[in-house]
Amino acid sequence: MPFGFWRGRKDKRSSTAGPPGAAAGQRGPVAFDGLTEEWHLVGFMEIEGRLSDALNRREAIPISDVRWAPIDGSEPFTPVPGLRLVDPYDLIIVLASEGTLPRLTEEEKAAFRVHKVPYDVALEVPPFRVIGTVYLYPGSDPERLLERGTEMFVPVTDAAALLGERQVNDPSIDTILVNRFYLRGVEQVDKRTRTRIEPLPGQPLGGVSWTDTSR
């Protein structure tokens, strides 16, 4: 292995052996597209349920047909037949295609819009910058994403992942799961210009001081 998977855990385990009972209750394979500090990996994950739920369990996930390339795009993808597990702790961002997300009814979509508030933000997850929309419960400050919450990965919709000036995600994949353990900064932006929104002069009168500009 040319990079250190399992660095996020104290118990170093082999990334070439499958976990006990890995074959039980799996839905997979599901297309997988993720980025670490150095590598872009694509392949298939053997999971049951939603991709985000599988990642948030913080357990090793079986993968197959894996290929990888440097994140800077300097070399083409090459097969990695020995890589059979991936640790969510090693993944900075995961690109979630429509096939990895559950289908919602119109009623569920309406309930989601009612119960959560959209914020257009830029998330600093070095070496990447992710710009898109996060949905939070009313009264939640987007900066609280910097806290270690129960959810390890936060979904960002209508999103672009940038490495410098280069967008690393295919524009057709607009949902990105961001690992909060790598999150170093949150700021509200105008998604059209990808620039920071300056706060209005004066003091807030209470409540959430972030401005909702996405509606």
N, C-alpha and C. Protein backbone atom coordinates (compact mmCIF):
# COMPACT_ATOMS: atom_id res chain seq x y z
N MET A 1 0.83 -1.19 0.00
CA MET A 1 0.00 0.00 0.00
C MET A 1 0.87 1.25 0.00
N PRO A 2 0.71 2.16 -0.98
CA PRO A 2 1.53 3.37 -1.01
C PRO A 2 1.01 4.48 -0.13
N PHE A 3 -0.11 4.29 0.59
CA PHE A 3 -0.55 5.31 1.53
C PHE A 3 -1.14 4.63 2.75
N GLY A 4 -1.26 5.39 3.84
CA GLY A 4 -1.60 4.78 5.12
C GLY A 4 -3.06 4.74 5.43
N PHE A 5 -3.80 3.80 4.83
CA PHE A 5 -5.16 3.58 5.30
C PHE A 5 -5.11 3.17 6.76
N TRP A 6 -6.24 3.38 7.47
CA TRP A 6 -6.38 3.03 8.87
C TRP A 6 -5.64 3.99 9.80
N ARG A 7 -5.16 5.13 9.29
CA ARG A 7 -4.47 6.07 10.16
C ARG A 7 -5.40 6.69 11.18
N GLY A 8 -6.72 6.71 10.87
CA GLY A 8 -7.66 7.32 11.80
C GLY A 8 -7.97 6.45 13.00
N ARG A 9 -7.46 5.22 13.05
CA ARG A 9 -7.77 4.32 14.14
C ARG A 9 -6.50 3.91 14.87
N LYS A 10 -6.64 3.62 16.15
CA LYS A 10 -5.49 3.16 16.91
C LYS A 10 -5.21 1.70 16.63
N ASP A 11 -6.28 0.93 16.30
CA ASP A 11 -6.07 -0.49 16.03
C ASP A 11 -5.86 -0.67 14.54
N LYS A 12 -4.63 -0.83 14.11
CA LYS A 12 -4.30 -0.99 12.71
C LYS A 12 -4.68 -2.39 12.25
N ARG A 13 -5.49 -2.47 11.20
CA ARG A 13 -5.91 -3.76 10.71
C ARG A 13 -5.56 -3.90 9.25
N SER A 14 -5.52 -5.10 8.77
CA SER A 14 -5.17 -5.35 7.38
C SER A 14 -6.29 -4.88 6.47
N SER A 15 -5.95 -4.24 5.37
CA SER A 15 -6.95 -3.78 4.42
C SER A 15 -7.16 -4.78 3.30
N THR A 16 -6.68 -5.99 3.43
CA THR A 16 -6.85 -6.99 2.38
C THR A 16 -7.72 -8.15 2.82
N ALA A 17 -8.15 -8.18 4.07
CA ALA A 17 -8.98 -9.27 4.56
C ALA A 17 -10.38 -8.77 4.82
N GLY A 18 -11.39 -9.57 4.50
CA GLY A 18 -12.77 -9.19 4.74
C GLY A 18 -13.13 -9.34 6.19
N PRO A 19 -14.08 -8.50 6.70
CA PRO A 19 -14.48 -8.58 8.09
C PRO A 19 -15.34 -9.79 8.34
N PRO A 20 -15.40 -10.31 9.58
CA PRO A 20 -16.26 -11.45 9.88
C PRO A 20 -17.70 -11.14 9.55
N GLY A 21 -18.35 -12.07 8.85
CA GLY A 21 -19.76 -11.89 8.53
C GLY A 21 -20.02 -10.83 7.50
N ALA A 22 -19.02 -10.45 6.73
CA ALA A 22 -19.20 -9.36 5.77
C ALA A 22 -20.22 -9.69 4.70
N ALA A 23 -20.39 -10.98 4.42
CA ALA A 23 -21.29 -11.36 3.33
C ALA A 23 -22.75 -11.38 3.76
N ALA A 24 -23.01 -11.24 5.06
CA ALA A 24 -24.38 -11.36 5.54
C ALA A 24 -25.12 -10.04 5.42
N GLY A 25 -26.33 -10.11 4.87
CA GLY A 25 -27.21 -8.96 4.85
C GLY A 25 -26.76 -7.81 3.97
N GLN A 26 -25.99 -8.05 2.94
CA GLN A 26 -25.50 -6.97 2.10
C GLN A 26 -26.47 -6.69 0.96
N ARG A 27 -26.54 -5.42 0.57
CA ARG A 27 -27.36 -5.05 -0.57
C ARG A 27 -26.54 -4.93 -1.83
N GLY A 28 -25.24 -4.59 -1.66
CA GLY A 28 -24.34 -4.19 -2.74
C GLY A 28 -24.38 -5.09 -3.95
N PRO A 29 -23.54 -4.80 -4.96
CA PRO A 29 -22.58 -3.69 -4.89
C PRO A 29 -23.19 -2.34 -5.28
N VAL A 30 -22.66 -1.28 -4.68
CA VAL A 30 -23.06 0.09 -4.97
C VAL A 30 -21.83 0.85 -5.42
N ALA A 31 -21.96 1.63 -6.47
CA ALA A 31 -20.82 2.40 -6.98
C ALA A 31 -20.24 3.29 -5.90
N PHE A 32 -18.91 3.31 -5.82
CA PHE A 32 -18.21 4.06 -4.79
C PHE A 32 -17.20 4.99 -5.44
N ASP A 33 -17.14 6.24 -4.94
CA ASP A 33 -16.24 7.24 -5.49
C ASP A 33 -15.81 8.14 -4.33
N GLY A 34 -14.58 7.97 -3.86
CA GLY A 34 -14.14 8.70 -2.69
C GLY A 34 -12.74 9.24 -2.83
N LEU A 35 -12.41 10.25 -2.00
CA LEU A 35 -11.09 10.87 -2.05
C LEU A 35 -10.46 10.92 -0.66
N THR A 36 -9.17 10.57 -0.61
CA THR A 36 -8.39 10.68 0.61
C THR A 36 -7.46 11.88 0.46
N GLU A 37 -6.49 12.00 1.36
CA GLU A 37 -5.55 13.11 1.27
C GLU A 37 -4.69 13.03 0.01
N GLU A 38 -4.51 11.84 -0.54
CA GLU A 38 -3.61 11.68 -1.67
C GLU A 38 -4.23 10.99 -2.88
N TRP A 39 -5.31 10.23 -2.66
CA TRP A 39 -5.80 9.34 -3.71
C TRP A 39 -7.29 9.51 -3.99
N HIS A 40 -7.63 9.29 -5.25
CA HIS A 40 -9.02 9.23 -5.70
C HIS A 40 -9.32 7.77 -5.99
N LEU A 41 -10.29 7.20 -5.28
CA LEU A 41 -10.63 5.79 -5.42
C LEU A 41 -12.02 5.63 -6.00
N VAL A 42 -12.17 4.69 -6.93
CA VAL A 42 -13.48 4.33 -7.47
C VAL A 42 -13.61 2.81 -7.45
N GLY A 43 -14.82 2.34 -7.31
CA GLY A 43 -15.06 0.90 -7.29
C GLY A 43 -16.48 0.63 -6.84
N PHE A 44 -16.66 -0.43 -6.07
CA PHE A 44 -17.99 -0.81 -5.59
C PHE A 44 -17.91 -1.15 -4.11
N MET A 45 -18.95 -0.72 -3.37
CA MET A 45 -19.07 -1.02 -1.95
C MET A 45 -20.16 -2.06 -1.74
N GLU A 46 -19.92 -2.95 -0.79
CA GLU A 46 -20.94 -3.92 -0.39
C GLU A 46 -21.60 -3.39 0.87
N ILE A 47 -22.78 -2.78 0.72
CA ILE A 47 -23.45 -2.17 1.86
C ILE A 47 -24.92 -2.55 1.88
N GLU A 48 -25.53 -2.33 3.02
CA GLU A 48 -26.97 -2.51 3.17
C GLU A 48 -27.56 -1.17 3.59
N GLY A 49 -28.57 -0.70 2.88
CA GLY A 49 -29.15 0.60 3.21
C GLY A 49 -28.44 1.73 2.50
N ARG A 50 -28.55 2.93 3.07
CA ARG A 50 -28.00 4.13 2.45
C ARG A 50 -26.49 4.19 2.60
N LEU A 51 -25.84 4.78 1.61
CA LEU A 51 -24.40 4.96 1.66
C LEU A 51 -24.00 5.79 2.88
N SER A 52 -24.72 6.88 3.14
CA SER A 52 -24.37 7.74 4.27
C SER A 52 -24.49 6.99 5.59
N ASP A 53 -25.51 6.13 5.71
CA ASP A 53 -25.67 5.35 6.94
C ASP A 53 -24.51 4.38 7.12
N ALA A 54 -24.09 3.75 6.02
CA ALA A 54 -22.97 2.80 6.10
C ALA A 54 -21.69 3.51 6.54
N LEU A 55 -21.44 4.70 6.01
CA LEU A 55 -20.24 5.45 6.39
C LEU A 55 -20.31 5.93 7.83
N ASN A 56 -21.49 6.34 8.26
CA ASN A 56 -21.62 6.88 9.61
C ASN A 56 -21.55 5.81 10.70
N ARG A 57 -21.58 4.54 10.31
CA ARG A 57 -21.37 3.48 11.31
C ARG A 57 -19.90 3.42 11.74
N ARG A 58 -19.01 4.06 10.97
CA ARG A 58 -17.59 4.16 11.31
C ARG A 58 -16.91 2.79 11.36
N GLU A 59 -17.39 1.87 10.54
CA GLU A 59 -16.81 0.54 10.47
C GLU A 59 -16.26 0.30 9.07
N ALA A 60 -15.27 -0.58 8.98
CA ALA A 60 -14.69 -0.91 7.69
C ALA A 60 -15.76 -1.45 6.74
N ILE A 61 -15.68 -1.04 5.48
CA ILE A 61 -16.68 -1.42 4.48
C ILE A 61 -15.99 -2.22 3.38
N PRO A 62 -16.53 -3.41 3.03
CA PRO A 62 -15.95 -4.19 1.94
C PRO A 62 -16.10 -3.46 0.61
N ILE A 63 -15.04 -3.45 -0.21
CA ILE A 63 -15.07 -2.84 -1.52
C ILE A 63 -14.46 -3.81 -2.54
N SER A 64 -14.80 -3.61 -3.80
CA SER A 64 -14.31 -4.49 -4.85
C SER A 64 -14.09 -3.70 -6.13
N ASP A 65 -13.35 -4.33 -7.07
CA ASP A 65 -13.07 -3.72 -8.37
C ASP A 65 -12.54 -2.29 -8.21
N VAL A 66 -11.60 -2.11 -7.29
CA VAL A 66 -11.12 -0.78 -6.94
C VAL A 66 -10.03 -0.33 -7.92
N ARG A 67 -10.13 0.94 -8.32
CA ARG A 67 -9.07 1.60 -9.08
C ARG A 67 -8.75 2.91 -8.37
N TRP A 68 -7.51 3.37 -8.51
CA TRP A 68 -7.15 4.63 -7.89
C TRP A 68 -6.20 5.44 -8.76
N ALA A 69 -6.15 6.74 -8.44
CA ALA A 69 -5.26 7.67 -9.14
C ALA A 69 -4.93 8.80 -8.17
N PRO A 70 -3.81 9.49 -8.36
CA PRO A 70 -3.50 10.65 -7.52
C PRO A 70 -4.60 11.70 -7.63
N ILE A 71 -4.89 12.39 -6.52
CA ILE A 71 -5.99 13.36 -6.53
C ILE A 71 -5.72 14.54 -7.45
N ASP A 72 -4.45 14.78 -7.80
CA ASP A 72 -4.15 15.92 -8.66
C ASP A 72 -4.35 15.60 -10.13
N GLY A 73 -4.77 14.37 -10.44
CA GLY A 73 -5.03 14.00 -11.83
C GLY A 73 -3.79 13.81 -12.66
N SER A 74 -2.63 13.68 -12.00
CA SER A 74 -1.36 13.56 -12.74
C SER A 74 -1.16 12.20 -13.39
N GLU A 75 -1.91 11.19 -12.94
CA GLU A 75 -1.78 9.85 -13.50
C GLU A 75 -3.17 9.24 -13.68
N PRO A 76 -3.31 8.30 -14.62
CA PRO A 76 -4.62 7.67 -14.82
C PRO A 76 -4.95 6.67 -13.71
N PHE A 77 -6.20 6.25 -13.66
CA PHE A 77 -6.62 5.24 -12.69
C PHE A 77 -5.99 3.89 -13.03
N THR A 78 -5.56 3.19 -11.98
CA THR A 78 -5.00 1.85 -12.15
C THR A 78 -5.66 0.92 -11.15
N PRO A 79 -5.79 -0.38 -11.48
CA PRO A 79 -6.45 -1.34 -10.59
C PRO A 79 -5.67 -1.55 -9.30
N VAL A 80 -6.42 -1.81 -8.22
CA VAL A 80 -5.83 -2.15 -6.92
C VAL A 80 -6.52 -3.43 -6.43
N PRO A 81 -6.17 -4.58 -6.99
CA PRO A 81 -6.89 -5.81 -6.66
C PRO A 81 -6.77 -6.24 -5.21
N GLY A 82 -5.74 -5.80 -4.48
CA GLY A 82 -5.57 -6.22 -3.10
C GLY A 82 -6.36 -5.42 -2.09
N LEU A 83 -6.97 -4.32 -2.50
CA LEU A 83 -7.68 -3.46 -1.56
C LEU A 83 -9.13 -3.94 -1.45
N ARG A 84 -9.49 -4.50 -0.32
CA ARG A 84 -10.81 -5.09 -0.13
C ARG A 84 -11.64 -4.42 0.95
N LEU A 85 -11.03 -3.53 1.70
CA LEU A 85 -11.74 -2.79 2.74
C LEU A 85 -11.36 -1.33 2.66
N VAL A 86 -12.30 -0.47 3.04
CA VAL A 86 -11.98 0.94 3.20
C VAL A 86 -12.53 1.40 4.55
N ASP A 87 -11.73 2.18 5.25
CA ASP A 87 -12.12 2.72 6.55
C ASP A 87 -12.69 4.12 6.33
N PRO A 88 -13.93 4.39 6.78
CA PRO A 88 -14.50 5.74 6.61
C PRO A 88 -13.62 6.84 7.17
N TYR A 89 -12.81 6.55 8.18
CA TYR A 89 -11.94 7.57 8.76
C TYR A 89 -10.92 8.09 7.75
N ASP A 90 -10.58 7.29 6.74
CA ASP A 90 -9.58 7.69 5.76
C ASP A 90 -10.17 8.53 4.62
N LEU A 91 -11.49 8.57 4.50
CA LEU A 91 -12.14 9.27 3.40
C LEU A 91 -12.47 10.70 3.80
N ILE A 92 -11.98 11.66 3.02
CA ILE A 92 -12.28 13.06 3.29
C ILE A 92 -13.64 13.43 2.71
N ILE A 93 -13.87 13.06 1.45
CA ILE A 93 -15.17 13.28 0.83
C ILE A 93 -15.55 12.04 0.03
N VAL A 94 -16.86 11.81 -0.08
CA VAL A 94 -17.40 10.72 -0.88
C VAL A 94 -18.44 11.32 -1.82
N LEU A 95 -18.31 11.01 -3.10
CA LEU A 95 -19.23 11.53 -4.10
C LEU A 95 -20.40 10.56 -4.22
N ALA A 96 -21.60 11.05 -3.95
CA ALA A 96 -22.78 10.18 -3.87
C ALA A 96 -23.64 10.36 -5.11
N SER A 97 -23.68 9.34 -5.95
CA SER A 97 -24.53 9.40 -7.13
C SER A 97 -25.98 9.10 -6.73
N GLU A 98 -26.90 9.30 -7.67
CA GLU A 98 -28.32 9.09 -7.37
C GLU A 98 -28.59 7.66 -6.95
N GLY A 99 -27.83 6.70 -7.50
CA GLY A 99 -28.06 5.30 -7.18
C GLY A 99 -27.70 4.93 -5.76
N THR A 100 -26.93 5.79 -5.06
CA THR A 100 -26.55 5.50 -3.68
C THR A 100 -27.48 6.16 -2.68
N LEU A 101 -28.46 6.92 -3.16
CA LEU A 101 -29.36 7.65 -2.28
C LEU A 101 -30.75 7.05 -2.34
N PRO A 102 -31.50 7.05 -1.22
CA PRO A 102 -32.84 6.48 -1.23
C PRO A 102 -33.81 7.37 -1.99
N ARG A 103 -34.79 6.74 -2.64
CA ARG A 103 -35.83 7.51 -3.32
C ARG A 103 -36.85 7.99 -2.29
N LEU A 104 -37.18 9.27 -2.35
CA LEU A 104 -38.14 9.85 -1.42
C LEU A 104 -39.46 10.10 -2.14
N THR A 105 -40.56 9.90 -1.42
CA THR A 105 -41.86 10.27 -1.96
C THR A 105 -41.99 11.79 -1.93
N GLU A 106 -42.97 12.31 -2.65
CA GLU A 106 -43.19 13.76 -2.64
C GLU A 106 -43.52 14.24 -1.23
N GLU A 107 -44.25 13.42 -0.45
CA GLU A 107 -44.57 13.80 0.92
C GLU A 107 -43.31 13.87 1.77
N GLU A 108 -42.39 12.91 1.58
CA GLU A 108 -41.14 12.92 2.34
C GLU A 108 -40.29 14.13 1.97
N LYS A 109 -40.25 14.46 0.67
CA LYS A 109 -39.49 15.63 0.24
C LYS A 109 -40.06 16.90 0.86
N ALA A 110 -41.39 17.01 0.88
CA ALA A 110 -42.03 18.20 1.46
C ALA A 110 -41.74 18.29 2.95
N ALA A 111 -41.80 17.16 3.65
CA ALA A 111 -41.52 17.16 5.09
C ALA A 111 -40.06 17.55 5.35
N PHE A 112 -39.15 17.09 4.49
CA PHE A 112 -37.74 17.44 4.65
C PHE A 112 -37.54 18.94 4.51
N ARG A 113 -38.22 19.54 3.50
CA ARG A 113 -38.06 20.97 3.28
C ARG A 113 -38.63 21.77 4.45
N VAL A 114 -39.71 21.28 5.05
CA VAL A 114 -40.34 22.01 6.14
C VAL A 114 -39.48 21.97 7.39
N HIS A 115 -38.88 20.82 7.67
CA HIS A 115 -38.18 20.63 8.94
C HIS A 115 -36.73 21.07 8.93
N LYS A 116 -36.16 21.35 7.77
CA LYS A 116 -34.76 21.77 7.73
C LYS A 116 -34.60 23.04 6.91
N VAL A 117 -33.56 23.80 7.25
CA VAL A 117 -33.31 25.10 6.61
C VAL A 117 -32.05 24.97 5.76
N PRO A 118 -32.09 25.43 4.49
CA PRO A 118 -30.89 25.34 3.65
C PRO A 118 -29.94 26.51 3.88
N TYR A 119 -28.65 26.23 3.88
CA TYR A 119 -27.60 27.25 3.96
C TYR A 119 -26.57 26.97 2.87
N ASP A 120 -26.23 27.99 2.12
CA ASP A 120 -25.17 27.87 1.11
C ASP A 120 -23.83 28.16 1.77
N VAL A 121 -22.94 27.18 1.75
CA VAL A 121 -21.70 27.30 2.51
C VAL A 121 -20.51 26.80 1.70
N ALA A 122 -19.33 27.19 2.16
CA ALA A 122 -18.07 26.62 1.70
C ALA A 122 -17.44 25.91 2.89
N LEU A 123 -17.11 24.65 2.70
CA LEU A 123 -16.52 23.84 3.75
C LEU A 123 -15.05 23.60 3.41
N GLU A 124 -14.18 23.92 4.34
CA GLU A 124 -12.74 23.71 4.15
C GLU A 124 -12.37 22.35 4.74
N VAL A 125 -12.06 21.41 3.86
CA VAL A 125 -11.62 20.08 4.26
C VAL A 125 -10.32 19.79 3.52
N PRO A 126 -9.20 20.39 3.99
CA PRO A 126 -7.94 20.32 3.27
C PRO A 126 -7.59 18.89 2.84
N PRO A 127 -7.15 18.78 1.56
CA PRO A 127 -6.81 19.85 0.63
C PRO A 127 -7.98 20.32 -0.23
N PHE A 128 -9.21 19.97 0.14
CA PHE A 128 -10.36 20.29 -0.69
C PHE A 128 -11.19 21.43 -0.10
N ARG A 129 -11.95 22.05 -0.99
CA ARG A 129 -12.95 23.06 -0.60
C ARG A 129 -14.26 22.63 -1.25
N VAL A 130 -15.28 22.41 -0.44
CA VAL A 130 -16.57 21.95 -0.94
C VAL A 130 -17.59 23.07 -0.81
N ILE A 131 -18.22 23.43 -1.92
CA ILE A 131 -19.20 24.51 -1.95
C ILE A 131 -20.55 23.92 -2.33
N GLY A 132 -21.56 24.20 -1.53
CA GLY A 132 -22.89 23.68 -1.81
C GLY A 132 -23.87 24.07 -0.72
N THR A 133 -24.93 23.29 -0.59
CA THR A 133 -26.01 23.59 0.35
C THR A 133 -26.09 22.50 1.41
N VAL A 134 -26.12 22.92 2.67
CA VAL A 134 -26.38 21.99 3.77
C VAL A 134 -27.75 22.30 4.35
N TYR A 135 -28.44 21.26 4.81
CA TYR A 135 -29.76 21.41 5.41
C TYR A 135 -29.65 21.12 6.90
N LEU A 136 -30.06 22.10 7.71
CA LEU A 136 -29.94 21.99 9.16
C LEU A 136 -31.29 22.29 9.81
N TYR A 137 -31.46 21.79 11.01
CA TYR A 137 -32.69 22.07 11.74
C TYR A 137 -32.74 23.54 12.13
N PRO A 138 -33.94 24.12 12.19
CA PRO A 138 -34.05 25.54 12.56
C PRO A 138 -33.34 25.81 13.89
N GLY A 139 -32.61 26.93 13.93
CA GLY A 139 -31.88 27.30 15.12
C GLY A 139 -30.46 26.77 15.16
N SER A 140 -30.10 25.93 14.18
CA SER A 140 -28.73 25.39 14.14
C SER A 140 -27.82 26.34 13.37
N ASP A 141 -26.66 26.60 13.93
CA ASP A 141 -25.65 27.43 13.28
C ASP A 141 -24.75 26.53 12.44
N PRO A 142 -24.55 26.83 11.14
CA PRO A 142 -23.68 25.98 10.32
C PRO A 142 -22.29 25.76 10.89
N GLU A 143 -21.79 26.72 11.70
CA GLU A 143 -20.47 26.53 12.29
C GLU A 143 -20.43 25.36 13.27
N ARG A 144 -21.59 24.91 13.70
CA ARG A 144 -21.63 23.77 14.62
C ARG A 144 -21.23 22.48 13.91
N LEU A 145 -21.16 22.53 12.59
CA LEU A 145 -20.65 21.36 11.87
C LEU A 145 -19.22 21.06 12.26
N LEU A 146 -18.51 22.07 12.78
CA LEU A 146 -17.12 21.86 13.21
C LEU A 146 -17.05 21.01 14.47
N GLU A 147 -18.17 20.89 15.19
CA GLU A 147 -18.18 20.06 16.38
C GLU A 147 -18.28 18.59 15.98
N ARG A 148 -17.80 17.72 16.83
CA ARG A 148 -17.87 16.29 16.57
C ARG A 148 -19.26 15.80 16.92
N GLY A 149 -20.10 15.64 15.92
CA GLY A 149 -21.47 15.21 16.14
C GLY A 149 -21.62 13.71 15.99
N THR A 150 -22.84 13.25 16.11
CA THR A 150 -23.10 11.82 15.96
C THR A 150 -22.91 11.38 14.51
N GLU A 151 -23.16 12.28 13.57
CA GLU A 151 -22.97 11.95 12.16
C GLU A 151 -21.57 12.32 11.73
N MET A 152 -20.83 11.33 11.29
CA MET A 152 -19.45 11.55 10.85
C MET A 152 -19.41 12.28 9.51
N PHE A 153 -20.37 11.96 8.62
CA PHE A 153 -20.42 12.56 7.29
C PHE A 153 -21.67 13.42 7.17
N VAL A 154 -21.49 14.64 6.65
CA VAL A 154 -22.61 15.54 6.42
C VAL A 154 -22.83 15.66 4.91
N PRO A 155 -24.08 15.53 4.44
CA PRO A 155 -24.34 15.66 3.00
C PRO A 155 -24.40 17.12 2.57
N VAL A 156 -23.78 17.41 1.44
CA VAL A 156 -23.81 18.74 0.83
C VAL A 156 -24.40 18.56 -0.57
N THR A 157 -25.50 19.24 -0.85
CA THR A 157 -26.18 19.08 -2.12
C THR A 157 -25.85 20.23 -3.07
N ASP A 158 -26.15 20.00 -4.37
CA ASP A 158 -25.82 20.98 -5.40
C ASP A 158 -24.39 21.44 -5.21
N ALA A 159 -23.49 20.46 -5.05
CA ALA A 159 -22.15 20.74 -4.52
C ALA A 159 -21.06 20.59 -5.57
N ALA A 160 -19.96 21.29 -5.33
CA ALA A 160 -18.74 21.16 -6.12
C ALA A 160 -17.57 21.00 -5.16
N ALA A 161 -16.70 20.03 -5.44
CA ALA A 161 -15.50 19.82 -4.65
C ALA A 161 -14.31 20.33 -5.45
N LEU A 162 -13.56 21.26 -4.87
CA LEU A 162 -12.46 21.90 -5.58
C LEU A 162 -11.13 21.52 -4.95
N LEU A 163 -10.16 21.25 -5.81
CA LEU A 163 -8.77 21.09 -5.40
C LEU A 163 -8.01 22.21 -6.08
N GLY A 164 -7.75 23.29 -5.34
CA GLY A 164 -7.28 24.51 -5.97
C GLY A 164 -8.41 25.09 -6.80
N GLU A 165 -8.16 25.30 -8.09
CA GLU A 165 -9.19 25.81 -8.99
C GLU A 165 -9.88 24.70 -9.77
N ARG A 166 -9.45 23.47 -9.60
CA ARG A 166 -9.97 22.35 -10.38
C ARG A 166 -11.09 21.64 -9.64
N GLN A 167 -12.23 21.44 -10.33
CA GLN A 167 -13.34 20.70 -9.73
C GLN A 167 -13.07 19.21 -9.90
N VAL A 168 -13.09 18.48 -8.78
CA VAL A 168 -12.71 17.06 -8.83
C VAL A 168 -13.91 16.14 -8.98
N ASN A 169 -15.11 16.62 -8.74
CA ASN A 169 -16.29 15.77 -8.92
C ASN A 169 -16.92 16.02 -10.27
N ASP A 170 -17.44 14.95 -10.86
CA ASP A 170 -18.20 15.07 -12.10
C ASP A 170 -19.42 15.96 -11.83
N PRO A 171 -19.70 16.96 -12.67
CA PRO A 171 -20.85 17.84 -12.44
C PRO A 171 -22.18 17.10 -12.34
N SER A 172 -22.27 15.89 -12.90
CA SER A 172 -23.51 15.13 -12.82
C SER A 172 -23.72 14.56 -11.42
N ILE A 173 -22.68 14.51 -10.60
CA ILE A 173 -22.78 14.05 -9.21
C ILE A 173 -22.75 15.28 -8.32
N ASP A 174 -23.91 15.67 -7.81
CA ASP A 174 -23.97 16.95 -7.10
C ASP A 174 -24.18 16.81 -5.60
N THR A 175 -24.17 15.57 -5.10
CA THR A 175 -24.25 15.38 -3.65
C THR A 175 -22.92 14.83 -3.15
N ILE A 176 -22.34 15.52 -2.18
CA ILE A 176 -21.04 15.15 -1.64
C ILE A 176 -21.17 14.94 -0.14
N LEU A 177 -20.67 13.80 0.33
CA LEU A 177 -20.64 13.51 1.75
C LEU A 177 -19.28 13.93 2.30
N VAL A 178 -19.28 14.85 3.27
CA VAL A 178 -18.05 15.44 3.80
C VAL A 178 -17.77 14.88 5.19
N ASN A 179 -16.55 14.40 5.38
CA ASN A 179 -16.13 13.86 6.67
C ASN A 179 -15.83 15.01 7.63
N ARG A 180 -16.63 15.13 8.69
CA ARG A 180 -16.49 16.25 9.61
C ARG A 180 -15.20 16.20 10.42
N PHE A 181 -14.54 15.04 10.48
CA PHE A 181 -13.28 14.95 11.19
C PHE A 181 -12.17 15.74 10.48
N TYR A 182 -12.37 16.00 9.18
CA TYR A 182 -11.39 16.77 8.41
C TYR A 182 -11.81 18.23 8.26
N LEU A 183 -12.99 18.58 8.74
CA LEU A 183 -13.53 19.92 8.53
C LEU A 183 -12.76 20.94 9.36
N ARG A 184 -12.25 21.99 8.69
CA ARG A 184 -11.44 23.01 9.36
C ARG A 184 -12.05 24.40 9.28
N GLY A 185 -13.08 24.59 8.46
CA GLY A 185 -13.69 25.91 8.36
C GLY A 185 -15.03 25.86 7.66
N VAL A 186 -15.94 26.76 8.07
CA VAL A 186 -17.27 26.88 7.47
C VAL A 186 -17.56 28.36 7.26
N GLU A 187 -17.97 28.74 6.06
CA GLU A 187 -18.37 30.12 5.84
C GLU A 187 -19.53 30.14 4.85
N GLN A 188 -20.39 31.14 5.01
CA GLN A 188 -21.52 31.27 4.11
C GLN A 188 -21.07 31.95 2.83
N VAL A 189 -21.53 31.44 1.68
CA VAL A 189 -21.08 31.95 0.40
C VAL A 189 -22.27 32.16 -0.54
N ASP A 190 -22.01 32.89 -1.59
CA ASP A 190 -22.92 32.98 -2.73
C ASP A 190 -22.48 31.88 -3.70
N LYS A 191 -23.31 30.87 -3.89
CA LYS A 191 -22.91 29.73 -4.72
C LYS A 191 -22.65 30.13 -6.17
N ARG A 192 -23.28 31.19 -6.63
CA ARG A 192 -23.08 31.59 -8.02
C ARG A 192 -21.68 32.11 -8.25
N THR A 193 -21.16 32.87 -7.30
CA THR A 193 -19.82 33.44 -7.44
C THR A 193 -18.77 32.69 -6.62
N ARG A 194 -19.25 31.81 -5.71
CA ARG A 194 -18.36 31.05 -4.82
C ARG A 194 -17.53 31.96 -3.93
N THR A 195 -18.09 33.13 -3.62
CA THR A 195 -17.39 34.07 -2.74
C THR A 195 -18.17 34.25 -1.45
N ARG A 196 -17.45 34.65 -0.42
CA ARG A 196 -18.02 34.81 0.90
C ARG A 196 -19.04 35.93 0.93
N ILE A 197 -20.11 35.73 1.68
CA ILE A 197 -21.12 36.76 1.90
C ILE A 197 -20.74 37.54 3.14
N GLU A 198 -20.55 38.82 2.99
CA GLU A 198 -20.17 39.66 4.12
C GLU A 198 -21.39 39.93 5.00
N PRO A 199 -21.23 39.85 6.33
CA PRO A 199 -22.36 40.11 7.23
C PRO A 199 -22.82 41.56 7.13
N LEU A 200 -24.11 41.78 7.37
CA LEU A 200 -24.65 43.12 7.37
C LEU A 200 -24.16 43.89 8.59
N PRO A 201 -24.03 45.21 8.48
CA PRO A 201 -23.57 46.01 9.64
C PRO A 201 -24.59 45.96 10.77
N GLY A 202 -24.11 46.21 11.97
CA GLY A 202 -25.00 46.20 13.14
C GLY A 202 -24.92 44.89 13.88
N GLN A 203 -25.58 44.82 15.01
CA GLN A 203 -25.58 43.64 15.86
C GLN A 203 -26.83 42.82 15.61
N PRO A 204 -26.72 41.48 15.66
CA PRO A 204 -27.90 40.64 15.51
C PRO A 204 -28.87 40.85 16.68
N LEU A 205 -30.14 40.65 16.41
CA LEU A 205 -31.17 40.86 17.42
C LEU A 205 -31.55 39.57 18.12
N GLY A 206 -30.78 38.53 17.92
CA GLY A 206 -31.09 37.24 18.54
C GLY A 206 -31.43 36.22 17.49
N GLY A 207 -31.47 34.96 17.91
CA GLY A 207 -31.76 33.88 16.97
C GLY A 207 -30.54 33.56 16.14
N VAL A 208 -30.77 32.88 15.05
CA VAL A 208 -29.68 32.46 14.18
C VAL A 208 -29.18 33.64 13.38
N SER A 209 -27.89 33.92 13.41
CA SER A 209 -27.34 35.09 12.74
C SER A 209 -26.90 34.79 11.32
N TRP A 210 -26.93 33.50 10.92
CA TRP A 210 -26.60 33.16 9.54
C TRP A 210 -27.73 33.57 8.62
N THR A 211 -27.39 34.03 7.44
CA THR A 211 -28.39 34.50 6.48
C THR A 211 -28.73 33.38 5.52
N ASP A 212 -30.00 33.11 5.36
CA ASP A 212 -30.45 32.09 4.42
C ASP A 212 -30.64 32.75 3.06
N THR A 213 -29.71 32.48 2.11
CA THR A 213 -29.79 33.10 0.78
C THR A 213 -30.11 32.09 -0.29
N SER A 214 -30.44 30.86 0.09
CA SER A 214 -30.60 29.82 -0.93
C SER A 214 -32.03 29.67 -1.40
N ARG A 215 -32.92 30.45 -0.83
CA ARG A 215 -34.31 30.30 -1.27
C ARG A 215 -34.72 31.50 -2.11
